Each structure stands twice: as C-alpha cells, then as structure tokens.
N, C-alpha and C. Protein backbone atom coordinates (compact mmCIF):
# COMPACT_ATOMS: atom_id res chain seq x y z
N MET A 1 55.55 13.88 31.45
CA MET A 1 56.69 14.61 30.93
C MET A 1 56.21 15.81 30.72
N GLU A 2 57.10 17.00 31.12
CA GLU A 2 56.62 18.19 30.78
C GLU A 2 56.84 18.55 29.50
N ALA A 3 56.24 19.22 29.00
CA ALA A 3 56.53 20.16 27.42
C ALA A 3 57.22 21.53 27.56
N GLN A 4 57.81 22.35 27.27
CA GLN A 4 58.85 23.37 27.18
C GLN A 4 57.82 24.23 28.07
N ASN A 5 56.89 24.63 28.12
CA ASN A 5 56.26 25.71 28.66
C ASN A 5 55.88 25.63 29.99
N GLY A 6 56.34 24.23 30.35
CA GLY A 6 56.29 24.20 31.95
C GLY A 6 54.22 23.15 31.90
N ARG A 7 54.15 22.71 31.18
CA ARG A 7 52.76 22.10 30.91
C ARG A 7 53.11 21.04 30.48
N THR A 8 51.99 19.78 31.13
CA THR A 8 51.82 18.92 31.41
C THR A 8 51.90 17.77 29.47
N ALA A 9 52.17 17.49 28.97
CA ALA A 9 52.07 16.92 27.29
C ALA A 9 50.87 16.33 27.62
N GLY A 10 50.01 16.99 26.63
CA GLY A 10 48.67 15.97 25.95
C GLY A 10 47.81 16.43 27.09
N GLY A 11 48.08 17.05 28.27
CA GLY A 11 47.23 16.93 29.04
C GLY A 11 45.65 18.67 28.47
N HIS A 12 44.71 18.80 29.88
CA HIS A 12 44.47 20.39 29.33
C HIS A 12 44.92 21.37 29.50
N ARG A 13 46.42 21.29 30.21
CA ARG A 13 47.15 22.77 30.32
C ARG A 13 47.83 22.98 29.03
N ASP A 14 47.54 22.48 27.95
CA ASP A 14 47.87 22.18 26.80
C ASP A 14 47.09 23.36 25.73
N LEU A 15 45.99 23.64 26.30
CA LEU A 15 44.88 24.67 25.45
C LEU A 15 44.87 25.76 26.11
N ASP A 16 44.34 26.32 25.23
CA ASP A 16 44.38 27.77 26.06
C ASP A 16 42.69 28.12 26.04
N ARG A 17 42.43 29.25 26.41
CA ARG A 17 40.73 29.97 26.81
C ARG A 17 40.20 29.70 25.34
N VAL A 18 40.44 30.22 24.03
CA VAL A 18 40.19 29.61 22.38
C VAL A 18 40.40 27.98 22.19
N ASP A 19 41.24 27.58 22.63
CA ASP A 19 40.77 26.06 22.35
C ASP A 19 39.47 25.99 23.31
N LEU A 20 39.42 26.01 24.35
CA LEU A 20 38.78 25.50 25.21
C LEU A 20 37.28 25.95 24.64
N ARG A 21 36.87 27.04 24.26
CA ARG A 21 35.82 27.65 23.98
C ARG A 21 35.50 26.90 22.29
N LEU A 22 36.25 26.58 21.60
CA LEU A 22 35.91 26.34 20.70
C LEU A 22 35.63 24.52 20.37
N LEU A 23 36.09 24.03 22.27
CA LEU A 23 35.98 22.38 22.51
C LEU A 23 34.17 22.54 22.75
N GLU A 24 34.04 23.82 23.38
CA GLU A 24 32.67 23.61 23.90
C GLU A 24 32.01 24.03 22.83
N ALA A 25 32.11 24.63 22.40
CA ALA A 25 31.34 24.94 20.86
C ALA A 25 31.15 24.05 19.76
N LEU A 26 31.70 23.25 19.86
CA LEU A 26 31.89 21.88 18.82
C LEU A 26 31.04 20.74 19.40
N GLN A 27 31.01 20.75 20.78
CA GLN A 27 30.19 19.82 21.61
C GLN A 27 29.00 20.34 21.21
N ARG A 28 28.50 20.97 21.89
CA ARG A 28 27.21 21.94 21.18
C ARG A 28 26.42 21.45 19.99
N ASN A 29 27.57 22.22 19.08
CA ASN A 29 27.07 22.04 17.75
C ASN A 29 28.53 21.45 16.63
N ALA A 30 28.51 20.28 16.22
CA ALA A 30 29.39 20.04 15.58
C ALA A 30 29.69 19.95 13.81
N ARG A 31 28.49 21.23 13.41
CA ARG A 31 27.89 20.91 12.38
C ARG A 31 28.62 22.81 12.12
N SER A 32 28.66 23.50 13.36
CA SER A 32 29.38 24.85 13.07
C SER A 32 30.21 24.83 12.14
N THR A 33 30.04 26.21 11.24
CA THR A 33 31.36 26.69 10.35
C THR A 33 31.96 27.27 11.19
N TYR A 34 33.13 27.17 10.17
CA TYR A 34 34.51 27.91 10.82
C TYR A 34 34.11 29.59 10.89
N ALA A 35 33.45 29.89 9.93
CA ALA A 35 32.64 31.32 10.28
C ALA A 35 32.15 31.67 11.75
N GLU A 36 31.11 30.64 12.07
CA GLU A 36 30.41 30.93 12.89
C GLU A 36 30.96 30.77 14.43
N LEU A 37 32.01 29.51 13.97
CA LEU A 37 33.11 29.88 15.74
C LEU A 37 33.73 30.83 15.33
N GLY A 38 34.69 31.19 14.06
CA GLY A 38 35.41 32.72 14.34
C GLY A 38 34.93 33.50 15.08
N THR A 39 33.51 34.01 14.82
CA THR A 39 32.63 34.87 15.62
C THR A 39 32.69 34.70 17.44
N LEU A 40 32.59 33.13 17.63
CA LEU A 40 32.72 32.94 19.03
C LEU A 40 33.91 33.43 19.59
N VAL A 41 34.78 33.12 19.03
CA VAL A 41 36.44 33.47 19.27
C VAL A 41 37.29 34.75 19.10
N ASN A 42 36.30 35.49 18.48
CA ASN A 42 37.38 36.35 17.53
C ASN A 42 38.33 35.99 16.91
N LEU A 43 38.11 34.87 16.22
CA LEU A 43 39.41 34.73 15.45
C LEU A 43 38.84 34.86 13.64
N LYS A 44 39.64 34.89 12.48
CA LYS A 44 39.03 34.40 11.22
C LYS A 44 38.77 33.10 11.12
N PRO A 45 38.16 32.87 10.13
CA PRO A 45 37.34 31.39 9.94
C PRO A 45 38.94 30.45 9.40
N PRO A 46 40.01 31.03 8.84
CA PRO A 46 41.10 30.12 8.27
C PRO A 46 42.17 29.99 9.75
N ALA A 47 41.69 30.74 10.52
CA ALA A 47 42.97 30.38 11.75
C ALA A 47 41.83 29.21 12.91
N VAL A 48 40.68 29.77 12.71
CA VAL A 48 39.64 28.94 13.34
C VAL A 48 40.25 27.45 12.73
N HIS A 49 39.79 27.25 11.45
CA HIS A 49 40.40 25.87 10.74
C HIS A 49 41.62 25.24 11.58
N ASP A 50 42.53 26.22 10.98
CA ASP A 50 44.15 25.84 11.51
C ASP A 50 43.48 24.83 13.28
N ARG A 51 42.89 25.91 14.13
CA ARG A 51 43.39 25.48 15.31
C ARG A 51 41.93 24.08 15.39
N VAL A 52 41.25 23.98 14.65
CA VAL A 52 40.13 23.00 15.00
C VAL A 52 41.09 21.79 14.43
N LYS A 53 41.71 21.77 13.33
CA LYS A 53 42.44 20.71 12.78
C LYS A 53 43.60 20.34 14.34
N ARG A 54 44.45 21.10 14.40
CA ARG A 54 45.13 20.90 15.49
C ARG A 54 44.76 19.86 16.60
N LEU A 55 43.58 20.81 16.96
CA LEU A 55 42.78 19.80 18.26
C LEU A 55 42.97 18.70 17.96
N GLU A 56 42.15 18.18 16.50
CA GLU A 56 41.63 16.79 16.08
C GLU A 56 42.94 16.14 15.77
N SER A 57 43.96 16.91 15.50
CA SER A 57 45.37 15.98 15.79
C SER A 57 46.05 15.36 16.35
N ARG A 58 45.65 16.31 17.23
CA ARG A 58 46.37 15.94 19.00
C ARG A 58 45.39 15.30 19.43
N GLY A 59 43.96 14.58 19.02
CA GLY A 59 43.15 13.79 19.66
C GLY A 59 42.68 14.01 20.94
N PHE A 60 42.22 15.87 21.16
CA PHE A 60 41.23 16.47 21.54
C PHE A 60 39.85 15.97 21.60
N VAL A 61 39.54 15.97 19.93
CA VAL A 61 38.07 15.76 19.27
C VAL A 61 38.73 14.46 18.90
N ARG A 62 38.01 13.46 19.51
CA ARG A 62 37.47 12.05 19.07
C ARG A 62 37.22 11.81 18.10
N ARG A 63 35.66 12.36 17.80
CA ARG A 63 34.92 12.36 16.25
C ARG A 63 33.41 12.86 16.57
N TYR A 64 32.69 13.21 15.24
CA TYR A 64 31.92 13.80 15.36
C TYR A 64 30.71 12.87 14.97
N ALA A 65 29.39 13.39 16.18
CA ALA A 65 28.53 11.86 15.50
C ALA A 65 27.09 13.05 15.96
N ALA A 66 26.15 12.31 15.36
CA ALA A 66 25.03 12.89 15.76
C ALA A 66 24.11 12.13 16.77
N GLN A 67 23.84 13.15 17.67
CA GLN A 67 23.02 12.51 18.82
C GLN A 67 21.23 12.45 18.72
N LEU A 68 20.89 11.07 18.46
CA LEU A 68 19.74 11.07 18.15
C LEU A 68 18.94 10.54 19.29
N ASP A 69 17.57 10.75 19.24
CA ASP A 69 16.50 10.65 20.31
C ASP A 69 16.32 9.37 20.50
N ALA A 70 16.64 8.60 21.19
CA ALA A 70 16.46 7.39 21.29
C ALA A 70 15.11 6.61 21.37
N HIS A 71 14.81 7.22 22.38
CA HIS A 71 12.75 7.38 22.01
C HIS A 71 12.00 6.74 20.63
N ARG A 72 12.76 8.42 19.79
CA ARG A 72 12.36 8.34 18.10
C ARG A 72 12.26 6.98 17.40
N VAL A 73 13.55 6.60 17.35
CA VAL A 73 13.93 5.75 16.87
C VAL A 73 13.66 4.46 17.11
N GLY A 74 13.10 4.33 18.36
CA GLY A 74 12.47 2.93 18.78
C GLY A 74 13.07 2.17 19.96
N TYR A 75 14.58 2.82 20.58
CA TYR A 75 14.89 2.22 21.80
C TYR A 75 14.01 2.94 22.87
N GLU A 76 12.83 2.23 23.18
CA GLU A 76 12.00 2.48 24.52
C GLU A 76 12.96 2.57 25.97
N MET A 77 13.87 1.73 25.91
CA MET A 77 14.30 1.49 27.44
C MET A 77 16.13 1.93 27.27
N THR A 78 16.13 1.88 28.27
CA THR A 78 17.58 2.37 28.52
C THR A 78 17.59 2.17 30.17
N ALA A 79 19.17 0.90 30.34
CA ALA A 79 19.25 0.19 31.67
C ALA A 79 20.84 0.28 31.51
N PHE A 80 21.07 0.29 33.06
CA PHE A 80 22.53 -0.18 33.34
C PHE A 80 22.51 -1.59 34.12
N VAL A 81 23.78 -2.15 33.14
CA VAL A 81 24.01 -3.62 33.74
C VAL A 81 24.96 -3.60 34.19
N SER A 82 24.96 -4.23 35.57
CA SER A 82 26.50 -4.32 36.21
C SER A 82 26.69 -6.10 35.94
N ALA A 83 28.06 -6.33 35.10
CA ALA A 83 28.28 -7.64 35.39
C ALA A 83 29.68 -8.06 36.05
N TYR A 84 29.12 -9.14 37.02
CA TYR A 84 29.87 -9.69 37.83
C TYR A 84 30.89 -11.10 37.34
N CYS A 85 31.54 -10.79 37.00
CA CYS A 85 32.82 -11.88 36.15
C CYS A 85 33.75 -12.51 37.25
N ALA A 86 33.87 -13.38 36.94
CA ALA A 86 34.82 -14.84 37.20
C ALA A 86 36.00 -14.32 37.40
N PRO A 87 37.17 -14.75 38.33
CA PRO A 87 38.60 -13.96 38.48
C PRO A 87 39.16 -14.40 36.96
N ASP A 88 38.46 -15.73 36.57
CA ASP A 88 39.53 -15.70 35.45
C ASP A 88 39.27 -15.25 33.78
N LEU A 89 38.20 -13.96 34.33
CA LEU A 89 38.04 -13.81 32.69
C LEU A 89 39.26 -13.03 31.88
N ASP A 90 38.80 -13.27 31.13
CA ASP A 90 39.61 -12.52 29.66
C ASP A 90 38.81 -11.06 29.26
N TYR A 91 39.57 -10.03 29.75
CA TYR A 91 38.98 -9.19 29.70
C TYR A 91 38.74 -8.18 28.50
N ASP A 92 39.90 -8.99 27.30
CA ASP A 92 39.98 -8.12 26.23
C ASP A 92 38.75 -8.90 25.34
N ALA A 93 38.57 -10.27 25.53
CA ALA A 93 37.81 -10.99 25.06
C ALA A 93 36.19 -10.84 25.31
N PHE A 94 35.84 -10.76 26.70
CA PHE A 94 34.80 -9.87 27.11
C PHE A 94 34.37 -8.22 26.67
N THR A 95 35.13 -7.77 26.49
CA THR A 95 35.13 -6.38 25.69
C THR A 95 34.61 -6.36 24.16
N GLN A 96 35.58 -7.43 23.43
CA GLN A 96 35.28 -7.47 22.22
C GLN A 96 33.67 -8.19 22.04
N ALA A 97 33.24 -9.14 23.04
CA ALA A 97 31.86 -9.77 22.96
C ALA A 97 30.95 -8.52 23.45
N VAL A 98 31.04 -8.16 24.26
CA VAL A 98 29.64 -6.75 24.39
C VAL A 98 29.90 -5.60 23.58
N GLN A 99 30.75 -5.04 23.07
CA GLN A 99 30.69 -4.19 22.22
C GLN A 99 29.82 -4.25 20.77
N ALA A 100 30.29 -5.61 20.42
CA ALA A 100 29.57 -6.44 19.70
C ALA A 100 28.13 -6.37 19.50
N PHE A 101 27.52 -6.02 20.85
CA PHE A 101 25.89 -6.27 20.94
C PHE A 101 25.73 -4.85 20.86
N PRO A 102 24.56 -4.81 19.50
CA PRO A 102 24.63 -3.51 18.99
C PRO A 102 23.56 -3.02 20.08
N GLU A 103 23.17 -3.53 21.12
CA GLU A 103 22.48 -2.67 21.97
C GLU A 103 23.46 -2.14 22.85
N THR A 104 24.47 -2.16 23.23
CA THR A 104 25.64 -1.46 24.05
C THR A 104 26.21 -0.41 23.78
N LEU A 105 25.94 0.73 24.53
CA LEU A 105 26.39 2.33 24.11
C LEU A 105 27.55 2.15 24.76
N GLU A 106 27.64 2.18 25.84
CA GLU A 106 29.25 2.09 26.68
C GLU A 106 29.20 1.10 27.49
N VAL A 107 30.75 0.79 27.74
CA VAL A 107 31.28 -0.46 28.72
C VAL A 107 32.55 0.10 29.47
N HIS A 108 32.14 0.24 30.97
CA HIS A 108 32.98 0.93 31.70
C HIS A 108 33.51 -0.40 32.45
N SER A 109 34.78 -0.39 32.75
CA SER A 109 35.20 -1.20 33.75
C SER A 109 35.65 0.06 35.10
N VAL A 110 34.68 -0.98 36.12
CA VAL A 110 34.64 -0.02 37.39
C VAL A 110 35.10 -1.06 38.32
N ALA A 111 35.53 0.11 39.58
CA ALA A 111 35.82 -0.81 41.12
C ALA A 111 34.61 -0.67 41.68
N GLY A 112 34.69 -2.25 42.71
CA GLY A 112 33.75 -2.46 43.29
C GLY A 112 33.46 -3.85 43.42
N ASP A 113 32.13 -4.30 43.70
CA ASP A 113 31.84 -5.86 43.31
C ASP A 113 31.58 -5.96 41.75
N GLU A 114 31.28 -5.33 40.81
CA GLU A 114 30.99 -5.41 39.49
C GLU A 114 32.31 -5.50 39.04
N THR A 115 32.51 -5.91 37.85
CA THR A 115 33.78 -6.11 37.41
C THR A 115 33.45 -4.79 36.10
N TYR A 116 31.96 -4.90 35.34
CA TYR A 116 31.91 -3.74 34.52
C TYR A 116 30.87 -3.32 34.56
N LEU A 117 30.53 -2.15 34.32
CA LEU A 117 29.15 -1.47 34.17
C LEU A 117 28.46 -1.01 32.83
N LEU A 118 27.86 -1.44 32.30
CA LEU A 118 27.09 -1.78 30.35
C LEU A 118 26.07 -0.43 31.10
N LYS A 119 26.24 0.24 29.58
CA LYS A 119 25.13 0.99 29.13
C LYS A 119 24.34 0.20 28.39
N VAL A 120 22.68 0.03 28.14
CA VAL A 120 22.34 -0.47 27.09
C VAL A 120 21.50 0.31 26.79
N VAL A 121 20.98 0.12 25.57
CA VAL A 121 19.45 0.65 25.14
C VAL A 121 18.58 -1.08 24.28
N THR A 122 17.35 -0.76 24.79
CA THR A 122 16.65 -2.07 23.75
C THR A 122 15.29 -1.42 23.50
N ARG A 123 14.83 -2.27 22.94
CA ARG A 123 12.81 -1.73 22.43
C ARG A 123 11.81 -2.09 23.13
N SER A 124 12.25 -3.45 24.34
CA SER A 124 11.44 -3.44 25.08
C SER A 124 11.96 -4.07 26.07
N THR A 125 11.15 -4.51 27.76
CA THR A 125 11.53 -5.37 28.07
C THR A 125 11.67 -7.10 27.41
N ALA A 126 10.83 -7.36 26.80
CA ALA A 126 11.66 -8.58 26.24
C ALA A 126 12.90 -8.49 25.43
N HIS A 127 12.99 -7.40 24.28
CA HIS A 127 14.54 -7.21 23.96
C HIS A 127 15.51 -7.15 25.21
N LEU A 128 15.14 -6.75 26.11
CA LEU A 128 16.27 -6.29 27.57
C LEU A 128 16.32 -8.04 27.59
N ASP A 129 15.43 -9.01 27.88
CA ASP A 129 15.45 -9.88 28.41
C ASP A 129 16.54 -10.74 27.35
N GLU A 130 16.27 -10.52 26.20
CA GLU A 130 17.38 -11.42 25.28
C GLU A 130 18.61 -10.42 25.19
N PHE A 131 19.12 -10.20 25.45
CA PHE A 131 19.88 -9.04 25.63
C PHE A 131 21.09 -9.45 26.69
N LEU A 132 20.12 -9.57 28.42
CA LEU A 132 20.52 -10.15 29.21
C LEU A 132 21.21 -12.18 29.02
N THR A 133 20.53 -12.55 28.12
CA THR A 133 20.69 -13.85 27.89
C THR A 133 22.05 -14.01 27.21
N LYS A 134 21.87 -13.25 26.15
CA LYS A 134 23.11 -13.07 25.37
C LYS A 134 24.12 -12.79 26.62
N LEU A 135 24.13 -11.76 26.89
CA LEU A 135 25.74 -11.05 27.83
C LEU A 135 25.70 -12.29 28.95
N LYS A 136 24.94 -13.25 29.35
CA LYS A 136 25.27 -14.18 30.31
C LYS A 136 25.94 -15.05 29.78
N ARG A 137 25.62 -15.66 28.31
CA ARG A 137 26.15 -16.61 27.60
C ARG A 137 28.08 -15.85 26.85
N VAL A 138 28.66 -15.11 28.00
CA VAL A 138 29.53 -14.39 27.36
C VAL A 138 30.79 -14.96 28.68
N PRO A 139 31.32 -15.70 27.92
CA PRO A 139 32.38 -16.76 29.26
C PRO A 139 33.04 -15.47 30.10
N GLY A 140 33.13 -15.90 31.15
CA GLY A 140 33.45 -15.59 32.38
C GLY A 140 32.08 -14.58 33.09
N VAL A 141 31.29 -14.20 32.46
CA VAL A 141 29.97 -13.51 33.03
C VAL A 141 29.46 -14.78 34.16
N ALA A 142 29.48 -14.11 35.53
CA ALA A 142 28.76 -14.81 36.68
C ALA A 142 28.04 -14.90 36.69
N ARG A 143 27.02 -13.11 36.92
CA ARG A 143 26.20 -12.69 37.08
C ARG A 143 25.74 -11.62 36.52
N THR A 144 24.20 -10.83 36.43
CA THR A 144 24.11 -9.58 36.26
C THR A 144 23.25 -9.04 37.07
N ARG A 145 23.33 -7.33 37.28
CA ARG A 145 22.74 -6.92 37.72
C ARG A 145 21.99 -5.79 36.72
N THR A 146 20.62 -5.43 36.87
CA THR A 146 20.19 -4.79 36.23
C THR A 146 19.28 -3.30 36.69
N THR A 147 19.77 -1.88 36.00
CA THR A 147 18.75 -0.64 36.52
C THR A 147 18.22 -0.54 35.85
N ILE A 148 16.65 -0.33 35.29
CA ILE A 148 16.37 0.58 34.33
C ILE A 148 15.81 1.39 34.73
N VAL A 149 16.44 2.38 33.43
CA VAL A 149 16.18 3.96 33.51
C VAL A 149 14.69 4.27 33.59
N LEU A 150 13.88 5.17 34.21
CA LEU A 150 13.03 5.49 34.27
C LEU A 150 12.30 6.73 32.87
N ALA A 151 13.76 7.75 33.60
CA ALA A 151 13.82 8.92 32.73
C ALA A 151 15.19 9.25 33.66
N THR A 152 15.28 10.46 32.26
CA THR A 152 16.43 11.33 32.28
C THR A 152 16.35 12.69 32.39
N PRO A 153 16.12 13.12 33.71
CA PRO A 153 15.77 14.47 33.93
C PRO A 153 16.89 15.44 33.67
N PHE A 154 18.47 14.99 33.28
CA PHE A 154 19.35 16.04 32.59
C PHE A 154 20.79 14.99 32.46
N GLU A 155 20.72 15.38 31.15
CA GLU A 155 21.91 14.82 30.92
C GLU A 155 23.21 15.82 30.02
N ARG A 156 24.18 15.95 30.08
CA ARG A 156 24.93 16.87 30.24
C ARG A 156 25.22 16.70 28.62
N GLY A 157 25.67 15.63 27.72
CA GLY A 157 26.06 15.65 26.46
C GLY A 157 27.15 16.20 26.02
N GLY A 158 28.02 16.36 26.56
CA GLY A 158 29.47 16.65 26.77
C GLY A 158 30.07 16.90 28.10
N LEU A 159 31.17 17.54 27.54
CA LEU A 159 32.55 17.11 28.93
C LEU A 159 32.63 19.15 29.15
N PRO A 160 32.40 19.63 30.99
CA PRO A 160 32.79 21.04 30.67
C PRO A 160 33.73 21.42 30.54
N VAL A 161 34.05 21.50 29.67
CA VAL A 161 35.73 21.91 28.99
C VAL A 161 35.64 23.21 29.41
N GLU A 162 34.54 24.23 29.35
CA GLU A 162 35.36 25.68 29.68
C GLU A 162 35.70 25.94 30.94
N ALA A 163 35.11 25.54 32.09
CA ALA A 163 35.47 25.25 33.54
C ALA A 163 36.81 24.61 33.72
N LEU A 164 37.50 24.53 32.81
CA LEU A 164 39.25 24.51 33.00
C LEU A 164 39.71 25.60 32.60
N ALA A 165 39.49 26.15 32.35
CA ALA A 165 39.98 27.49 32.16
C ALA A 165 40.39 28.21 33.27
C-alpha cells in the first residue's frame, strides 16, 4: 500500500535523514539524552523527543537493551546450532520450546537442508552438551549440527541505517 507521499507505508522510505541519524545514534548509545541527540541532528530536545517517540510508536525501535559481555558474565562459548526437523514439525511448538531455553539467543527459520539455525551461549562444552540433549528432545527435531565460534573479530551490533539515506 502506498502512502500519500508515494513512499511505501512502514518501510525505510518513511524515514528522513534526521530519523536515520537518530536511529543510528540510538543504536550506538540508547542512553543518549535528547539534548545529546539534538546536537547530532541540529534539533532542540523537545523536537528530538517527539521524533524518537514517533519512531518507537511506528515500530522502528523494537526495544532498548544493554549489550553484555558474554565472557565476563560467564558464557565462554557461542555456537550456531542447525536443527534438522521432521516434515511433520509443529513450527510454533518448536519455536516456543527453544526460546524457553535460556541459552538460546536467536532462532532463525532458514532456507536449505536445515529448518532452523539457533545462536546459543553456554558456560562450557559440558553445558553445550546439556543444551544439545534438551534440543534433541524437542518433538520434531531429527538431528542437529553444531558450529562452535572460536572468535568474533567483528560484530556490527546494529543495522547500517545511515546507508539507507
């Protein structure tokens, strides 16, 4: 559906340069004050407040969170786990089951041989083994394949929204 200005409703075309700069700044530091954000985009704090609230209400900002250091809090391993599922899998039940596991950070439905790709964190290889045992007990999981992350030399930690301008 087209909006009155010829832009796609709900898409990035509904964002102007100021909105994109605000979103980029919020990704870098969600605790920025409206005054700090205003300095970046040449607006007064009340105008920034209105824009941020509008971006939130329109769903461009899903949530605010602190990004923790996994190793410092005790999660020594990150792994990507491919779940190969049976054809009769109950997708909603699977998703609910794996998101209930505290080790699960992300669940992606993917194209290819596997059905889902999960990003998980564990304290150790023994903890990873326990997680995989729980995962294999989820109805519809036929088998898994695990890739252990040795190092993460680069992680963006946000979307490249300013590149949309």
